[in-house]
ModelCIF file with pLDDT and N, C-alpha, C, O atoms, coordinates in Angstrom:
data_MODEL
#
_entry.id   MODEL 
#
_entity.id                         1 
_entity.type                       polymer 
_entity.pdbx_number_of_molecules   1 
#
_entity_poly.entity_id                      1 
_entity_poly.type                           'polypeptide(L)' 
_entity_poly.nstd_linkage                   no 
_entity_poly.nstd_monomer                   no 
_entity_poly.pdbx_seq_one_letter_code       
;(UNK)(UNK)(UNK)(UNK)(UNK)(UNK)(UNK)(UNK)(UNK)(UNK)(UNK)(UNK)(UNK)(UNK)(UNK)(UNK)
(UNK)(UNK)(UNK)(UNK)(UNK)(UNK)(UNK)(UNK)(UNK)(UNK)(UNK)(UNK)(UNK)(UNK)(UNK)
;
_entity_poly.pdbx_seq_one_letter_code_can   XXXXXXXXXXXXXXXXXXXXXXXXXXXXXXX 
_entity_poly.pdbx_strand_id                 A 
#
loop_
_entity_poly_seq.entity_id 
_entity_poly_seq.num 
_entity_poly_seq.mon_id 
_entity_poly_seq.hetero 
1 1  UNK n 
1 2  UNK n 
1 3  UNK n 
1 4  UNK n 
1 5  UNK n 
1 6  UNK n 
1 7  UNK n 
1 8  UNK n 
1 9  UNK n 
1 10 UNK n 
1 11 UNK n 
1 12 UNK n 
1 13 UNK n 
1 14 UNK n 
1 15 UNK n 
1 16 UNK n 
1 17 UNK n 
1 18 UNK n 
1 19 UNK n 
1 20 UNK n 
1 21 UNK n 
1 22 UNK n 
1 23 UNK n 
1 24 UNK n 
1 25 UNK n 
1 26 UNK n 
1 27 UNK n 
1 28 UNK n 
1 29 UNK n 
1 30 UNK n 
1 31 UNK n 
#
_struct_asym.id          A 
_struct_asym.entity_id   1 
#
loop_
_ma_qa_metric.id 
_ma_qa_metric.mode 
_ma_qa_metric.name 
_ma_qa_metric.software_group_id 
_ma_qa_metric.type 
1 global pLDDT . pLDDT 
2 local  pLDDT . pLDDT 
#
_ma_qa_metric_global.metric_id      1 
_ma_qa_metric_global.metric_value   96.29 
_ma_qa_metric_global.model_id       1 
_ma_qa_metric_global.ordinal_id     1 
#
loop_
_ma_qa_metric_local.label_asym_id 
_ma_qa_metric_local.label_comp_id 
_ma_qa_metric_local.label_seq_id 
_ma_qa_metric_local.metric_id 
_ma_qa_metric_local.metric_value 
_ma_qa_metric_local.model_id 
_ma_qa_metric_local.ordinal_id 
A UNK 1  2 97.00 1 1  
A UNK 2  2 96.00 1 2  
A UNK 3  2 97.00 1 3  
A UNK 4  2 98.00 1 4  
A UNK 5  2 98.00 1 5  
A UNK 6  2 97.00 1 6  
A UNK 7  2 95.00 1 7  
A UNK 8  2 96.00 1 8  
A UNK 9  2 97.00 1 9  
A UNK 10 2 98.00 1 10 
A UNK 11 2 97.00 1 11 
A UNK 12 2 98.00 1 12 
A UNK 13 2 98.00 1 13 
A UNK 14 2 98.00 1 14 
A UNK 15 2 97.00 1 15 
A UNK 16 2 97.00 1 16 
A UNK 17 2 96.00 1 17 
A UNK 18 2 96.00 1 18 
A UNK 19 2 97.00 1 19 
A UNK 20 2 96.00 1 20 
A UNK 21 2 97.00 1 21 
A UNK 22 2 96.00 1 22 
A UNK 23 2 96.00 1 23 
A UNK 24 2 96.00 1 24 
A UNK 25 2 97.00 1 25 
A UNK 26 2 98.00 1 26 
A UNK 27 2 98.00 1 27 
A UNK 28 2 97.00 1 28 
A UNK 29 2 94.00 1 29 
A UNK 30 2 91.00 1 30 
A UNK 31 2 86.00 1 31 
#
loop_
_atom_site.group_PDB 
_atom_site.id 
_atom_site.type_symbol 
_atom_site.label_atom_id 
_atom_site.label_alt_id 
_atom_site.label_comp_id 
_atom_site.label_asym_id 
_atom_site.label_entity_id 
_atom_site.label_seq_id 
_atom_site.pdbx_PDB_ins_code 
_atom_site.Cartn_x 
_atom_site.Cartn_y 
_atom_site.Cartn_z 
_atom_site.occupancy 
_atom_site.B_iso_or_equiv 
_atom_site.pdbx_formal_charge 
_atom_site.auth_seq_id 
_atom_site.auth_comp_id 
_atom_site.auth_asym_id 
_atom_site.auth_atom_id 
_atom_site.pdbx_PDB_model_num 
ATOM 1   N N  . UNK A 1 1  ? -59.890 97.006  56.255 1.00 97.00 ? 1  UNK A N  1 
ATOM 2   C CA . UNK A 1 1  ? -60.095 98.511  55.585 1.00 97.00 ? 1  UNK A CA 1 
ATOM 3   C C  . UNK A 1 1  ? -59.642 98.438  54.046 1.00 97.00 ? 1  UNK A C  1 
ATOM 4   O O  . UNK A 1 1  ? -58.704 98.087  53.329 1.00 97.00 ? 1  UNK A O  1 
ATOM 5   N N  . UNK A 1 2  ? -60.359 98.752  54.026 1.00 96.00 ? 2  UNK A N  1 
ATOM 6   C CA . UNK A 1 2  ? -60.167 98.243  51.645 1.00 96.00 ? 2  UNK A CA 1 
ATOM 7   C C  . UNK A 1 2  ? -60.276 99.817  51.194 1.00 96.00 ? 2  UNK A C  1 
ATOM 8   O O  . UNK A 1 2  ? -60.572 99.962  50.008 1.00 96.00 ? 2  UNK A O  1 
ATOM 9   N N  . UNK A 1 3  ? -60.100 100.922 51.894 1.00 97.00 ? 3  UNK A N  1 
ATOM 10  C CA . UNK A 1 3  ? -59.528 102.465 51.660 1.00 97.00 ? 3  UNK A CA 1 
ATOM 11  C C  . UNK A 1 3  ? -59.308 103.435 52.391 1.00 97.00 ? 3  UNK A C  1 
ATOM 12  O O  . UNK A 1 3  ? -58.215 103.995 52.325 1.00 97.00 ? 3  UNK A O  1 
ATOM 13  N N  . UNK A 1 4  ? -60.219 103.838 53.202 1.00 98.00 ? 4  UNK A N  1 
ATOM 14  C CA . UNK A 1 4  ? -59.545 104.545 54.021 1.00 98.00 ? 4  UNK A CA 1 
ATOM 15  C C  . UNK A 1 4  ? -60.803 103.801 55.693 1.00 98.00 ? 4  UNK A C  1 
ATOM 16  O O  . UNK A 1 4  ? -61.745 103.039 55.912 1.00 98.00 ? 4  UNK A O  1 
ATOM 17  N N  . UNK A 1 5  ? -60.019 104.585 56.266 1.00 98.00 ? 5  UNK A N  1 
ATOM 18  C CA . UNK A 1 5  ? -60.510 104.324 57.981 1.00 98.00 ? 5  UNK A CA 1 
ATOM 19  C C  . UNK A 1 5  ? -59.876 105.575 58.592 1.00 98.00 ? 5  UNK A C  1 
ATOM 20  O O  . UNK A 1 5  ? -58.725 105.850 58.932 1.00 98.00 ? 5  UNK A O  1 
ATOM 21  N N  . UNK A 1 6  ? -61.073 106.251 58.610 1.00 97.00 ? 6  UNK A N  1 
ATOM 22  C CA . UNK A 1 6  ? -60.711 107.747 59.269 1.00 97.00 ? 6  UNK A CA 1 
ATOM 23  C C  . UNK A 1 6  ? -61.366 108.128 60.497 1.00 97.00 ? 6  UNK A C  1 
ATOM 24  O O  . UNK A 1 6  ? -62.492 107.743 60.811 1.00 97.00 ? 6  UNK A O  1 
ATOM 25  N N  . UNK A 1 7  ? -60.522 109.012 61.292 1.00 95.00 ? 7  UNK A N  1 
ATOM 26  C CA . UNK A 1 7  ? -61.641 109.445 62.647 1.00 95.00 ? 7  UNK A CA 1 
ATOM 27  C C  . UNK A 1 7  ? -62.005 108.729 63.311 1.00 95.00 ? 7  UNK A C  1 
ATOM 28  O O  . UNK A 1 7  ? -61.340 107.990 64.038 1.00 95.00 ? 7  UNK A O  1 
ATOM 29  N N  . UNK A 1 8  ? -63.790 108.831 63.145 1.00 96.00 ? 8  UNK A N  1 
ATOM 30  C CA . UNK A 1 8  ? -64.607 107.206 63.914 1.00 96.00 ? 8  UNK A CA 1 
ATOM 31  C C  . UNK A 1 8  ? -64.277 106.479 63.609 1.00 96.00 ? 8  UNK A C  1 
ATOM 32  O O  . UNK A 1 8  ? -63.661 105.749 64.386 1.00 96.00 ? 8  UNK A O  1 
ATOM 33  N N  . UNK A 1 9  ? -64.449 106.087 62.120 1.00 97.00 ? 9  UNK A N  1 
ATOM 34  C CA . UNK A 1 9  ? -64.040 104.514 61.932 1.00 97.00 ? 9  UNK A CA 1 
ATOM 35  C C  . UNK A 1 9  ? -62.291 104.259 62.308 1.00 97.00 ? 9  UNK A C  1 
ATOM 36  O O  . UNK A 1 9  ? -61.876 103.341 61.602 1.00 97.00 ? 9  UNK A O  1 
ATOM 37  N N  . UNK A 1 10 ? -61.853 104.487 62.673 1.00 98.00 ? 10 UNK A N  1 
ATOM 38  C CA . UNK A 1 10 ? -60.507 103.648 63.479 1.00 98.00 ? 10 UNK A CA 1 
ATOM 39  C C  . UNK A 1 10 ? -60.702 102.968 64.710 1.00 98.00 ? 10 UNK A C  1 
ATOM 40  O O  . UNK A 1 10 ? -60.141 101.898 64.950 1.00 98.00 ? 10 UNK A O  1 
ATOM 41  N N  . UNK A 1 11 ? -61.642 103.663 65.677 1.00 97.00 ? 11 UNK A N  1 
ATOM 42  C CA . UNK A 1 11 ? -62.258 103.329 66.336 1.00 97.00 ? 11 UNK A CA 1 
ATOM 43  C C  . UNK A 1 11 ? -62.861 102.107 66.026 1.00 97.00 ? 11 UNK A C  1 
ATOM 44  O O  . UNK A 1 11 ? -62.228 101.108 66.368 1.00 97.00 ? 11 UNK A O  1 
ATOM 45  N N  . UNK A 1 12 ? -63.721 101.977 65.571 1.00 98.00 ? 12 UNK A N  1 
ATOM 46  C CA . UNK A 1 12 ? -64.894 100.799 64.655 1.00 98.00 ? 12 UNK A CA 1 
ATOM 47  C C  . UNK A 1 12 ? -63.669 99.679  64.169 1.00 98.00 ? 12 UNK A C  1 
ATOM 48  O O  . UNK A 1 12 ? -63.677 98.526  64.601 1.00 98.00 ? 12 UNK A O  1 
ATOM 49  N N  . UNK A 1 13 ? -62.829 100.080 63.404 1.00 98.00 ? 13 UNK A N  1 
ATOM 50  C CA . UNK A 1 13 ? -61.739 99.450  63.040 1.00 98.00 ? 13 UNK A CA 1 
ATOM 51  C C  . UNK A 1 13 ? -60.653 98.506  64.077 1.00 98.00 ? 13 UNK A C  1 
ATOM 52  O O  . UNK A 1 13 ? -60.226 97.390  63.779 1.00 98.00 ? 13 UNK A O  1 
ATOM 53  N N  . UNK A 1 14 ? -60.358 99.214  65.276 1.00 98.00 ? 14 UNK A N  1 
ATOM 54  C CA . UNK A 1 14 ? -59.626 99.236  66.251 1.00 98.00 ? 14 UNK A CA 1 
ATOM 55  C C  . UNK A 1 14 ? -60.791 97.426  67.245 1.00 98.00 ? 14 UNK A C  1 
ATOM 56  O O  . UNK A 1 14 ? -60.229 96.720  68.081 1.00 98.00 ? 14 UNK A O  1 
ATOM 57  N N  . UNK A 1 15 ? -61.590 97.292  67.005 1.00 97.00 ? 15 UNK A N  1 
ATOM 58  C CA . UNK A 1 15 ? -62.676 96.913  67.627 1.00 97.00 ? 15 UNK A CA 1 
ATOM 59  C C  . UNK A 1 15 ? -62.078 95.382  67.041 1.00 97.00 ? 15 UNK A C  1 
ATOM 60  O O  . UNK A 1 15 ? -61.712 94.586  67.906 1.00 97.00 ? 15 UNK A O  1 
ATOM 61  N N  . UNK A 1 16 ? -62.003 95.072  65.954 1.00 97.00 ? 16 UNK A N  1 
ATOM 62  C CA . UNK A 1 16 ? -61.918 93.806  65.308 1.00 97.00 ? 16 UNK A CA 1 
ATOM 63  C C  . UNK A 1 16 ? -61.316 92.990  66.234 1.00 97.00 ? 16 UNK A C  1 
ATOM 64  O O  . UNK A 1 16 ? -60.577 93.288  67.173 1.00 97.00 ? 16 UNK A O  1 
ATOM 65  N N  . UNK A 1 17 ? -61.832 91.636  65.758 1.00 96.00 ? 17 UNK A N  1 
ATOM 66  C CA . UNK A 1 17 ? -60.716 90.768  66.657 1.00 96.00 ? 17 UNK A CA 1 
ATOM 67  C C  . UNK A 1 17 ? -59.625 90.051  65.836 1.00 96.00 ? 17 UNK A C  1 
ATOM 68  O O  . UNK A 1 17 ? -58.856 89.274  66.402 1.00 96.00 ? 17 UNK A O  1 
ATOM 69  N N  . UNK A 1 18 ? -59.539 90.302  64.470 1.00 96.00 ? 18 UNK A N  1 
ATOM 70  C CA . UNK A 1 18 ? -58.364 90.565  63.816 1.00 96.00 ? 18 UNK A CA 1 
ATOM 71  C C  . UNK A 1 18 ? -58.958 91.367  62.944 1.00 96.00 ? 18 UNK A C  1 
ATOM 72  O O  . UNK A 1 18 ? -60.069 91.443  62.420 1.00 96.00 ? 18 UNK A O  1 
ATOM 73  N N  . UNK A 1 19 ? -57.508 92.208  62.901 1.00 97.00 ? 19 UNK A N  1 
ATOM 74  C CA . UNK A 1 19 ? -57.624 93.497  62.017 1.00 97.00 ? 19 UNK A CA 1 
ATOM 75  C C  . UNK A 1 19 ? -56.546 93.118  60.225 1.00 97.00 ? 19 UNK A C  1 
ATOM 76  O O  . UNK A 1 19 ? -55.427 92.606  60.199 1.00 97.00 ? 19 UNK A O  1 
ATOM 77  N N  . UNK A 1 20 ? -57.137 93.448  59.327 1.00 96.00 ? 20 UNK A N  1 
ATOM 78  C CA . UNK A 1 20 ? -55.955 93.147  57.796 1.00 96.00 ? 20 UNK A CA 1 
ATOM 79  C C  . UNK A 1 20 ? -56.737 94.646  57.154 1.00 96.00 ? 20 UNK A C  1 
ATOM 80  O O  . UNK A 1 20 ? -57.787 95.213  57.456 1.00 96.00 ? 20 UNK A O  1 
ATOM 81  N N  . UNK A 1 21 ? -55.660 94.943  56.138 1.00 97.00 ? 21 UNK A N  1 
ATOM 82  C CA . UNK A 1 21 ? -56.070 95.761  55.609 1.00 97.00 ? 21 UNK A CA 1 
ATOM 83  C C  . UNK A 1 21 ? -55.679 95.841  54.110 1.00 97.00 ? 21 UNK A C  1 
ATOM 84  O O  . UNK A 1 21 ? -54.784 95.033  53.859 1.00 97.00 ? 21 UNK A O  1 
ATOM 85  N N  . UNK A 1 22 ? -56.004 96.437  53.232 1.00 96.00 ? 22 UNK A N  1 
ATOM 86  C CA . UNK A 1 22 ? -55.731 96.469  51.297 1.00 96.00 ? 22 UNK A CA 1 
ATOM 87  C C  . UNK A 1 22 ? -54.299 97.000  51.359 1.00 96.00 ? 22 UNK A C  1 
ATOM 88  O O  . UNK A 1 22 ? -54.189 97.826  52.265 1.00 96.00 ? 22 UNK A O  1 
ATOM 89  N N  . UNK A 1 23 ? -53.212 96.796  50.709 1.00 96.00 ? 23 UNK A N  1 
ATOM 90  C CA . UNK A 1 23 ? -51.822 97.650  50.305 1.00 96.00 ? 23 UNK A CA 1 
ATOM 91  C C  . UNK A 1 23 ? -51.778 99.086  50.738 1.00 96.00 ? 23 UNK A C  1 
ATOM 92  O O  . UNK A 1 23 ? -50.929 99.648  51.431 1.00 96.00 ? 23 UNK A O  1 
ATOM 93  N N  . UNK A 1 24 ? -53.252 99.732  49.992 1.00 96.00 ? 24 UNK A N  1 
ATOM 94  C CA . UNK A 1 24 ? -52.580 101.130 49.753 1.00 96.00 ? 24 UNK A CA 1 
ATOM 95  C C  . UNK A 1 24 ? -53.899 101.751 50.495 1.00 96.00 ? 24 UNK A C  1 
ATOM 96  O O  . UNK A 1 24 ? -54.117 102.962 50.484 1.00 96.00 ? 24 UNK A O  1 
ATOM 97  N N  . UNK A 1 25 ? -54.492 101.100 50.941 1.00 97.00 ? 25 UNK A N  1 
ATOM 98  C CA . UNK A 1 25 ? -55.480 101.840 51.636 1.00 97.00 ? 25 UNK A CA 1 
ATOM 99  C C  . UNK A 1 25 ? -54.502 102.557 53.219 1.00 97.00 ? 25 UNK A C  1 
ATOM 100 O O  . UNK A 1 25 ? -53.463 102.123 53.716 1.00 97.00 ? 25 UNK A O  1 
ATOM 101 N N  . UNK A 1 26 ? -55.405 103.826 53.672 1.00 98.00 ? 26 UNK A N  1 
ATOM 102 C CA . UNK A 1 26 ? -54.971 104.748 54.831 1.00 98.00 ? 26 UNK A CA 1 
ATOM 103 C C  . UNK A 1 26 ? -55.955 104.532 55.901 1.00 98.00 ? 26 UNK A C  1 
ATOM 104 O O  . UNK A 1 26 ? -57.095 104.067 55.878 1.00 98.00 ? 26 UNK A O  1 
ATOM 105 N N  . UNK A 1 27 ? -54.801 105.248 57.367 1.00 98.00 ? 27 UNK A N  1 
ATOM 106 C CA . UNK A 1 27 ? -55.975 105.605 58.104 1.00 98.00 ? 27 UNK A CA 1 
ATOM 107 C C  . UNK A 1 27 ? -55.276 106.698 58.740 1.00 98.00 ? 27 UNK A C  1 
ATOM 108 O O  . UNK A 1 27 ? -54.117 107.092 58.608 1.00 98.00 ? 27 UNK A O  1 
ATOM 109 N N  . UNK A 1 28 ? -56.504 107.214 59.661 1.00 97.00 ? 28 UNK A N  1 
ATOM 110 C CA . UNK A 1 28 ? -56.348 108.134 60.291 1.00 97.00 ? 28 UNK A CA 1 
ATOM 111 C C  . UNK A 1 28 ? -56.697 108.442 61.798 1.00 97.00 ? 28 UNK A C  1 
ATOM 112 O O  . UNK A 1 28 ? -57.826 108.886 62.006 1.00 97.00 ? 28 UNK A O  1 
ATOM 113 N N  . UNK A 1 29 ? -56.203 108.334 62.428 1.00 94.00 ? 29 UNK A N  1 
ATOM 114 C CA . UNK A 1 29 ? -56.778 108.799 63.802 1.00 94.00 ? 29 UNK A CA 1 
ATOM 115 C C  . UNK A 1 29 ? -56.609 109.934 64.230 1.00 94.00 ? 29 UNK A C  1 
ATOM 116 O O  . UNK A 1 29 ? -55.554 110.542 64.046 1.00 94.00 ? 29 UNK A O  1 
ATOM 117 N N  . UNK A 1 30 ? -57.393 110.310 64.732 1.00 91.00 ? 30 UNK A N  1 
ATOM 118 C CA . UNK A 1 30 ? -58.291 111.842 65.656 1.00 91.00 ? 30 UNK A CA 1 
ATOM 119 C C  . UNK A 1 30 ? -58.227 111.983 66.835 1.00 91.00 ? 30 UNK A C  1 
ATOM 120 O O  . UNK A 1 30 ? -59.419 111.973 67.143 1.00 91.00 ? 30 UNK A O  1 
ATOM 121 N N  . UNK A 1 31 ? -57.725 112.098 67.653 1.00 86.00 ? 31 UNK A N  1 
ATOM 122 C CA . UNK A 1 31 ? -57.505 112.632 69.179 1.00 86.00 ? 31 UNK A CA 1 
ATOM 123 C C  . UNK A 1 31 ? -59.071 113.444 69.267 1.00 86.00 ? 31 UNK A C  1 
ATOM 124 O O  . UNK A 1 31 ? -59.400 114.039 70.293 1.00 86.00 ? 31 UNK A O  1 
#
């Protein structure tokens, strides 16, 4: 995650074998 992992992007991100993030990046999961 280099900045924003929001909504549908959250599911794509979770698919990674390993998952990393920049320190000031943010996430938003929407059900």
